[in-house]
Amino acid sequence: MFKQLANYLTKRKDKDAWTKALKDSNIRMQLVEQVNSVLLNEYIEDDEITITITSFMDNHIFAELSDLLEKLIF
């Protein structure tokens, strides 16, 4: 379920949808893990990555963002 949600949010490129999804602390960590999987293992357009990173920053998910950026770069 979380992988489909991560894929949907990434493809939709809607910051408001990201904010709603990331507000729920019960699902945040599982969603973030699946976002890592989606961004690293599937073809993603540059603007999808940009919106995802911006949404992480807007929702103050800095540690997870740092991990994601590290994986994307290396």
PDB file of N, CA and C in Angstrom:
ATOM      1  N   MET A   1       0.813  -1.188   0.000  1.00  0.00           N
ATOM      2  CA  MET A   1       0.000   0.000   0.000  1.00  0.00           C
ATOM      3  C   MET A   1       0.866   1.265   0.000  1.00  0.00           C
ATOM      4  N   PHE A   2       1.926   1.282   0.797  1.00  0.00           N
ATOM      5  CA  PHE A   2       2.753   2.481   0.892  1.00  0.00           C
ATOM      6  C   PHE A   2       3.554   2.721  -0.379  1.00  0.00           C
ATOM      7  N   LYS A   3       3.944   1.646  -1.057  1.00  0.00           N
ATOM      8  CA  LYS A   3       4.667   1.817  -2.308  1.00  0.00           C
ATOM      9  C   LYS A   3       3.759   2.454  -3.358  1.00  0.00           C
ATOM     10  N   GLN A   4       2.505   2.024  -3.406  1.00  0.00           N
ATOM     11  CA  GLN A   4       1.569   2.615  -4.353  1.00  0.00           C
ATOM     12  C   GLN A   4       1.322   4.091  -4.015  1.00  0.00           C
ATOM     13  N   LEU A   5       1.216   4.397  -2.725  1.00  0.00           N
ATOM     14  CA  LEU A   5       1.020   5.779  -2.300  1.00  0.00           C
ATOM     15  C   LEU A   5       2.238   6.624  -2.663  1.00  0.00           C
ATOM     16  N   ALA A   6       3.417   6.101  -2.417  1.00  0.00           N
ATOM     17  CA  ALA A   6       4.648   6.824  -2.763  1.00  0.00           C
ATOM     18  C   ALA A   6       4.719   7.076  -4.268  1.00  0.00           C
ATOM     19  N   ASN A   7       4.393   6.067  -5.034  1.00  0.00           N
ATOM     20  CA  ASN A   7       4.410   6.199  -6.488  1.00  0.00           C
ATOM     21  C   ASN A   7       3.369   7.221  -6.955  1.00  0.00           C
ATOM     22  N   TYR A   8       2.179   7.159  -6.389  1.00  0.00           N
ATOM     23  CA  TYR A   8       1.118   8.095  -6.734  1.00  0.00           C
ATOM     24  C   TYR A   8       1.519   9.534  -6.424  1.00  0.00           C
ATOM     25  N   LEU A   9       2.020   9.757  -5.216  1.00  0.00           N
ATOM     26  CA  LEU A   9       2.411  11.112  -4.822  1.00  0.00           C
ATOM     27  C   LEU A   9       3.545  11.636  -5.690  1.00  0.00           C
ATOM     28  N   THR A  10       4.487  10.776  -6.012  1.00  0.00           N
ATOM     29  CA  THR A  10       5.614  11.181  -6.838  1.00  0.00           C
ATOM     30  C   THR A  10       5.151  11.564  -8.237  1.00  0.00           C
ATOM     31  N   LYS A  11       4.300  10.749  -8.819  1.00  0.00           N
ATOM     32  CA  LYS A  11       3.819  11.012 -10.180  1.00  0.00           C
ATOM     33  C   LYS A  11       2.857  12.203 -10.234  1.00  0.00           C
ATOM     34  N   ARG A  12       2.074  12.394  -9.183  1.00  0.00           N
ATOM     35  CA  ARG A  12       1.078  13.472  -9.163  1.00  0.00           C
ATOM     36  C   ARG A  12       1.717  14.851  -9.083  1.00  0.00           C
ATOM     37  N   LYS A  13       2.843  14.946  -8.390  1.00  0.00           N
ATOM     38  CA  LYS A  13       3.597  16.200  -8.267  1.00  0.00           C
ATOM     39  C   LYS A  13       2.758  17.313  -7.629  1.00  0.00           C
ATOM     40  N   ASP A  14       2.059  16.974  -6.572  1.00  0.00           N
ATOM     41  CA  ASP A  14       1.179  17.918  -5.881  1.00  0.00           C
ATOM     42  C   ASP A  14       1.677  18.105  -4.450  1.00  0.00           C
ATOM     43  N   LYS A  15       2.213  19.291  -4.159  1.00  0.00           N
ATOM     44  CA  LYS A  15       2.775  19.548  -2.829  1.00  0.00           C
ATOM     45  C   LYS A  15       1.722  19.467  -1.734  1.00  0.00           C
ATOM     46  N   ASP A  16       0.487  19.854  -2.031  1.00  0.00           N
ATOM     47  CA  ASP A  16      -0.582  19.763  -1.025  1.00  0.00           C
ATOM     48  C   ASP A  16      -0.881  18.305  -0.670  1.00  0.00           C
ATOM     49  N   ALA A  17      -0.883  17.448  -1.672  1.00  0.00           N
ATOM     50  CA  ALA A  17      -1.108  16.017  -1.415  1.00  0.00           C
ATOM     51  C   ALA A  17       0.032  15.448  -0.571  1.00  0.00           C
ATOM     52  N   TRP A  18       1.262  15.871  -0.871  1.00  0.00           N
ATOM     53  CA  TRP A  18       2.406  15.433  -0.068  1.00  0.00           C
ATOM     54  C   TRP A  18       2.244  15.873   1.387  1.00  0.00           C
ATOM     55  N   THR A  19       1.845  17.117   1.583  1.00  0.00           N
ATOM     56  CA  THR A  19       1.683  17.643   2.936  1.00  0.00           C
ATOM     57  C   THR A  19       0.644  16.842   3.713  1.00  0.00           C
ATOM     58  N   LYS A  20      -0.469  16.544   3.078  1.00  0.00           N
ATOM     59  CA  LYS A  20      -1.511  15.756   3.737  1.00  0.00           C
ATOM     60  C   LYS A  20      -1.003  14.370   4.101  1.00  0.00           C
ATOM     61  N   ALA A  21      -0.285  13.745   3.201  1.00  0.00           N
ATOM     62  CA  ALA A  21       0.211  12.393   3.458  1.00  0.00           C
ATOM     63  C   ALA A  21       1.289  12.374   4.537  1.00  0.00           C
ATOM     64  N   LEU A  22       2.160  13.375   4.538  1.00  0.00           N
ATOM     65  CA  LEU A  22       3.274  13.388   5.482  1.00  0.00           C
ATOM     66  C   LEU A  22       2.882  13.885   6.875  1.00  0.00           C
ATOM     67  N   LYS A  23       1.703  14.481   7.004  1.00  0.00           N
ATOM     68  CA  LYS A  23       1.255  14.941   8.319  1.00  0.00           C
ATOM     69  C   LYS A  23       0.959  13.782   9.266  1.00  0.00           C
ATOM     70  N   ASP A  24       0.526  12.669   8.723  1.00  0.00           N
ATOM     71  CA  ASP A  24       0.149  11.512   9.542  1.00  0.00           C
ATOM     72  C   ASP A  24       1.411  10.788  10.009  1.00  0.00           C
ATOM     73  N   SER A  25       1.786  11.012  11.256  1.00  0.00           N
ATOM     74  CA  SER A  25       3.021  10.426  11.777  1.00  0.00           C
ATOM     75  C   SER A  25       2.967   8.905  11.831  1.00  0.00           C
ATOM     76  N   ASN A  26       1.774   8.322  11.811  1.00  0.00           N
ATOM     77  CA  ASN A  26       1.646   6.866  11.853  1.00  0.00           C
ATOM     78  C   ASN A  26       2.126   6.213  10.563  1.00  0.00           C
ATOM     79  N   ILE A  27       2.007   6.913   9.463  1.00  0.00           N
ATOM     80  CA  ILE A  27       2.420   6.323   8.193  1.00  0.00           C
ATOM     81  C   ILE A  27       3.675   6.970   7.612  1.00  0.00           C
ATOM     82  N   ARG A  28       4.128   8.072   8.195  1.00  0.00           N
ATOM     83  CA  ARG A  28       5.229   8.841   7.611  1.00  0.00           C
ATOM     84  C   ARG A  28       6.470   8.000   7.337  1.00  0.00           C
ATOM     85  N   MET A  29       6.929   7.249   8.314  1.00  0.00           N
ATOM     86  CA  MET A  29       8.180   6.505   8.141  1.00  0.00           C
ATOM     87  C   MET A  29       8.057   5.439   7.055  1.00  0.00           C
ATOM     88  N   GLN A  30       6.933   4.732   7.034  1.00  0.00           N
ATOM     89  CA  GLN A  30       6.752   3.706   6.003  1.00  0.00           C
ATOM     90  C   GLN A  30       6.657   4.344   4.619  1.00  0.00           C
ATOM     91  N   LEU A  31       5.990   5.481   4.551  1.00  0.00           N
ATOM     92  CA  LEU A  31       5.879   6.192   3.281  1.00  0.00           C
ATOM     93  C   LEU A  31       7.252   6.673   2.817  1.00  0.00           C
ATOM     94  N   VAL A  32       8.028   7.245   3.721  1.00  0.00           N
ATOM     95  CA  VAL A  32       9.364   7.740   3.369  1.00  0.00           C
ATOM     96  C   VAL A  32      10.250   6.593   2.873  1.00  0.00           C
ATOM     97  N   GLU A  33      10.187   5.444   3.513  1.00  0.00           N
ATOM     98  CA  GLU A  33      10.961   4.283   3.062  1.00  0.00           C
ATOM     99  C   GLU A  33      10.585   3.892   1.636  1.00  0.00           C
ATOM    100  N   GLN A  34       9.311   3.930   1.344  1.00  0.00           N
ATOM    101  CA  GLN A  34       8.868   3.556   0.002  1.00  0.00           C
ATOM    102  C   GLN A  34       9.200   4.633  -1.023  1.00  0.00           C
ATOM    103  N   VAL A  35       9.214   5.881  -0.604  1.00  0.00           N
ATOM    104  CA  VAL A  35       9.637   6.953  -1.508  1.00  0.00           C
ATOM    105  C   VAL A  35      11.079   6.709  -1.925  1.00  0.00           C
ATOM    106  N   ASN A  36      11.913   6.335  -0.970  1.00  0.00           N
ATOM    107  CA  ASN A  36      13.299   6.000  -1.303  1.00  0.00           C
ATOM    108  C   ASN A  36      13.346   4.915  -2.368  1.00  0.00           C
ATOM    109  N   SER A  37      12.543   3.896  -2.196  1.00  0.00           N
ATOM    110  CA  SER A  37      12.503   2.784  -3.140  1.00  0.00           C
ATOM    111  C   SER A  37      12.031   3.245  -4.518  1.00  0.00           C
ATOM    112  N   VAL A  38      10.969   4.022  -4.546  1.00  0.00           N
ATOM    113  CA  VAL A  38      10.421   4.496  -5.820  1.00  0.00           C
ATOM    114  C   VAL A  38      11.429   5.381  -6.548  1.00  0.00           C
ATOM    115  N   LEU A  39      12.027   6.328  -5.834  1.00  0.00           N
ATOM    116  CA  LEU A  39      12.953   7.259  -6.476  1.00  0.00           C
ATOM    117  C   LEU A  39      14.238   6.584  -6.933  1.00  0.00           C
ATOM    118  N   LEU A  40      14.647   5.552  -6.237  1.00  0.00           N
ATOM    119  CA  LEU A  40      15.909   4.906  -6.573  1.00  0.00           C
ATOM    120  C   LEU A  40      15.765   3.781  -7.585  1.00  0.00           C
ATOM    121  N   ASN A  41      14.582   3.164  -7.668  1.00  0.00           N
ATOM    122  CA  ASN A  41      14.438   1.964  -8.480  1.00  0.00           C
ATOM    123  C   ASN A  41      13.567   2.125  -9.718  1.00  0.00           C
ATOM    124  N   GLU A  42      12.927   3.247  -9.869  1.00  0.00           N
ATOM    125  CA  GLU A  42      12.051   3.449 -11.010  1.00  0.00           C
ATOM    126  C   GLU A  42      12.474   4.711 -11.749  1.00  0.00           C
ATOM    127  N   TYR A  43      12.127   4.774 -13.013  1.00  0.00           N
ATOM    128  CA  TYR A  43      12.435   5.972 -13.785  1.00  0.00           C
ATOM    129  C   TYR A  43      11.579   7.121 -13.274  1.00  0.00           C
ATOM    130  N   ILE A  44      12.231   8.168 -12.865  1.00  0.00           N
ATOM    131  CA  ILE A  44      11.556   9.326 -12.314  1.00  0.00           C
ATOM    132  C   ILE A  44      12.051  10.567 -13.056  1.00  0.00           C
ATOM    133  N   GLU A  45      11.127  11.449 -13.390  1.00  0.00           N
ATOM    134  CA  GLU A  45      11.489  12.696 -14.052  1.00  0.00           C
ATOM    135  C   GLU A  45      12.065  13.679 -13.040  1.00  0.00           C
ATOM    136  N   ASP A  46      12.854  14.612 -13.531  1.00  0.00           N
ATOM    137  CA  ASP A  46      13.499  15.595 -12.658  1.00  0.00           C
ATOM    138  C   ASP A  46      12.505  16.382 -11.817  1.00  0.00           C
ATOM    139  N   ASP A  47      11.382  16.779 -12.417  1.00  0.00           N
ATOM    140  CA  ASP A  47      10.423  17.578 -11.656  1.00  0.00           C
ATOM    141  C   ASP A  47       9.740  16.753 -10.566  1.00  0.00           C
ATOM    142  N   GLU A  48       9.622  15.444 -10.756  1.00  0.00           N
ATOM    143  CA  GLU A  48       9.074  14.581  -9.707  1.00  0.00           C
ATOM    144  C   GLU A  48      10.014  14.538  -8.506  1.00  0.00           C
ATOM    145  N   ILE A  49      11.293  14.462  -8.776  1.00  0.00           N
ATOM    146  CA  ILE A  49      12.286  14.470  -7.703  1.00  0.00           C
ATOM    147  C   ILE A  49      12.279  15.827  -6.998  1.00  0.00           C
ATOM    148  N   THR A  50      12.214  16.896  -7.762  1.00  0.00           N
ATOM    149  CA  THR A  50      12.212  18.236  -7.191  1.00  0.00           C
ATOM    150  C   THR A  50      11.026  18.453  -6.262  1.00  0.00           C
ATOM    151  N   ILE A  51       9.838  18.071  -6.685  1.00  0.00           N
ATOM    152  CA  ILE A  51       8.642  18.234  -5.852  1.00  0.00           C
ATOM    153  C   ILE A  51       8.750  17.377  -4.592  1.00  0.00           C
ATOM    154  N   THR A  52       9.256  16.168  -4.731  1.00  0.00           N
ATOM    155  CA  THR A  52       9.413  15.283  -3.572  1.00  0.00           C
ATOM    156  C   THR A  52      10.372  15.893  -2.559  1.00  0.00           C
ATOM    157  N   ILE A  53      11.511  16.358  -3.012  1.00  0.00           N
ATOM    158  CA  ILE A  53      12.510  16.958  -2.118  1.00  0.00           C
ATOM    159  C   ILE A  53      11.950  18.218  -1.458  1.00  0.00           C
ATOM    160  N   THR A  54      11.285  19.051  -2.234  1.00  0.00           N
ATOM    161  CA  THR A  54      10.679  20.262  -1.681  1.00  0.00           C
ATOM    162  C   THR A  54       9.628  19.930  -0.630  1.00  0.00           C
ATOM    163  N   SER A  55       8.854  18.900  -0.880  1.00  0.00           N
ATOM    164  CA  SER A  55       7.820  18.487   0.078  1.00  0.00           C
ATOM    165  C   SER A  55       8.438  17.988   1.372  1.00  0.00           C
ATOM    166  N   PHE A  56       9.525  17.252   1.282  1.00  0.00           N
ATOM    167  CA  PHE A  56      10.230  16.809   2.488  1.00  0.00           C
ATOM    168  C   PHE A  56      10.716  18.025   3.276  1.00  0.00           C
ATOM    169  N   MET A  57      11.291  19.018   2.578  1.00  0.00           N
ATOM    170  CA  MET A  57      11.787  20.213   3.256  1.00  0.00           C
ATOM    171  C   MET A  57      10.640  20.991   3.888  1.00  0.00           C
ATOM    172  N   ASP A  58       9.552  21.157   3.160  1.00  0.00           N
ATOM    173  CA  ASP A  58       8.398  21.904   3.672  1.00  0.00           C
ATOM    174  C   ASP A  58       7.797  21.259   4.913  1.00  0.00           C
ATOM    175  N   ASN A  59       7.927  19.934   5.017  1.00  0.00           N
ATOM    176  CA  ASN A  59       7.347  19.202   6.148  1.00  0.00           C
ATOM    177  C   ASN A  59       8.392  18.858   7.213  1.00  0.00           C
ATOM    178  N   HIS A  60       9.562  19.490   7.110  1.00  0.00           N
ATOM    179  CA  HIS A  60      10.627  19.367   8.115  1.00  0.00           C
ATOM    180  C   HIS A  60      11.043  17.919   8.351  1.00  0.00           C
ATOM    181  N   ILE A  61      11.225  17.190   7.264  1.00  0.00           N
ATOM    182  CA  ILE A  61      11.688  15.802   7.351  1.00  0.00           C
ATOM    183  C   ILE A  61      13.136  15.792   6.863  1.00  0.00           C
ATOM    184  N   PHE A  62      13.990  16.441   7.624  1.00  0.00           N
ATOM    185  CA  PHE A  62      15.356  16.689   7.174  1.00  0.00           C
ATOM    186  C   PHE A  62      16.267  15.470   7.254  1.00  0.00           C
ATOM    187  N   ALA A  63      16.152  14.678   8.288  1.00  0.00           N
ATOM    188  CA  ALA A  63      17.025  13.495   8.410  1.00  0.00           C
ATOM    189  C   ALA A  63      16.745  12.523   7.271  1.00  0.00           C
ATOM    190  N   GLU A  64      15.470  12.282   7.006  1.00  0.00           N
ATOM    191  CA  GLU A  64      15.098  11.377   5.929  1.00  0.00           C
ATOM    192  C   GLU A  64      15.464  11.966   4.569  1.00  0.00           C
ATOM    193  N   LEU A  65      15.342  13.282   4.436  1.00  0.00           N
ATOM    194  CA  LEU A  65      15.738  13.946   3.198  1.00  0.00           C
ATOM    195  C   LEU A  65      17.231  13.787   2.966  1.00  0.00           C
ATOM    196  N   SER A  66      18.000  13.944   4.007  1.00  0.00           N
ATOM    197  CA  SER A  66      19.447  13.769   3.894  1.00  0.00           C
ATOM    198  C   SER A  66      19.797  12.362   3.424  1.00  0.00           C
ATOM    199  N   ASP A  67      19.138  11.367   3.991  1.00  0.00           N
ATOM    200  CA  ASP A  67      19.363   9.975   3.576  1.00  0.00           C
ATOM    201  C   ASP A  67      18.999   9.780   2.119  1.00  0.00           C
ATOM    202  N   LEU A  68      17.860  10.342   1.713  1.00  0.00           N
ATOM    203  CA  LEU A  68      17.401  10.218   0.335  1.00  0.00           C
ATOM    204  C   LEU A  68      18.389  10.864  -0.636  1.00  0.00           C
ATOM    205  N   LEU A  69      18.830  12.074  -0.324  1.00  0.00           N
ATOM    206  CA  LEU A  69      19.775  12.774  -1.200  1.00  0.00           C
ATOM    207  C   LEU A  69      21.095  12.018  -1.305  1.00  0.00           C
ATOM    208  N   GLU A  70      21.533  11.464  -0.196  1.00  0.00           N
ATOM    209  CA  GLU A  70      22.762  10.685  -0.203  1.00  0.00           C
ATOM    210  C   GLU A  70      22.640   9.498  -1.141  1.00  0.00           C
ATOM    211  N   LYS A  71      21.501   8.811  -1.100  1.00  0.00           N
ATOM    212  CA  LYS A  71      21.276   7.649  -1.954  1.00  0.00           C
ATOM    213  C   LYS A  71      21.154   8.060  -3.425  1.00  0.00           C
ATOM    214  N   LEU A  72      20.528   9.201  -3.676  1.00  0.00           N
ATOM    215  CA  LEU A  72      20.386   9.668  -5.056  1.00  0.00           C
ATOM    216  C   LEU A  72      21.722  10.066  -5.667  1.00  0.00           C
ATOM    217  N   ILE A  73      22.569  10.677  -4.846  1.00  0.00           N
ATOM    218  CA  ILE A  73      23.852  11.164  -5.354  1.00  0.00           C
ATOM    219  C   ILE A  73      24.861  10.042  -5.541  1.00  0.00           C
ATOM    220  N   PHE A  74      24.885   9.122  -4.592  1.00  0.00           N
ATOM    221  CA  PHE A  74      25.882   8.053  -4.666  1.00  0.00           C
ATOM    222  C   PHE A  74      25.215   6.829  -5.161  1.00  0.00           C
TER     223      PHE A  74
END
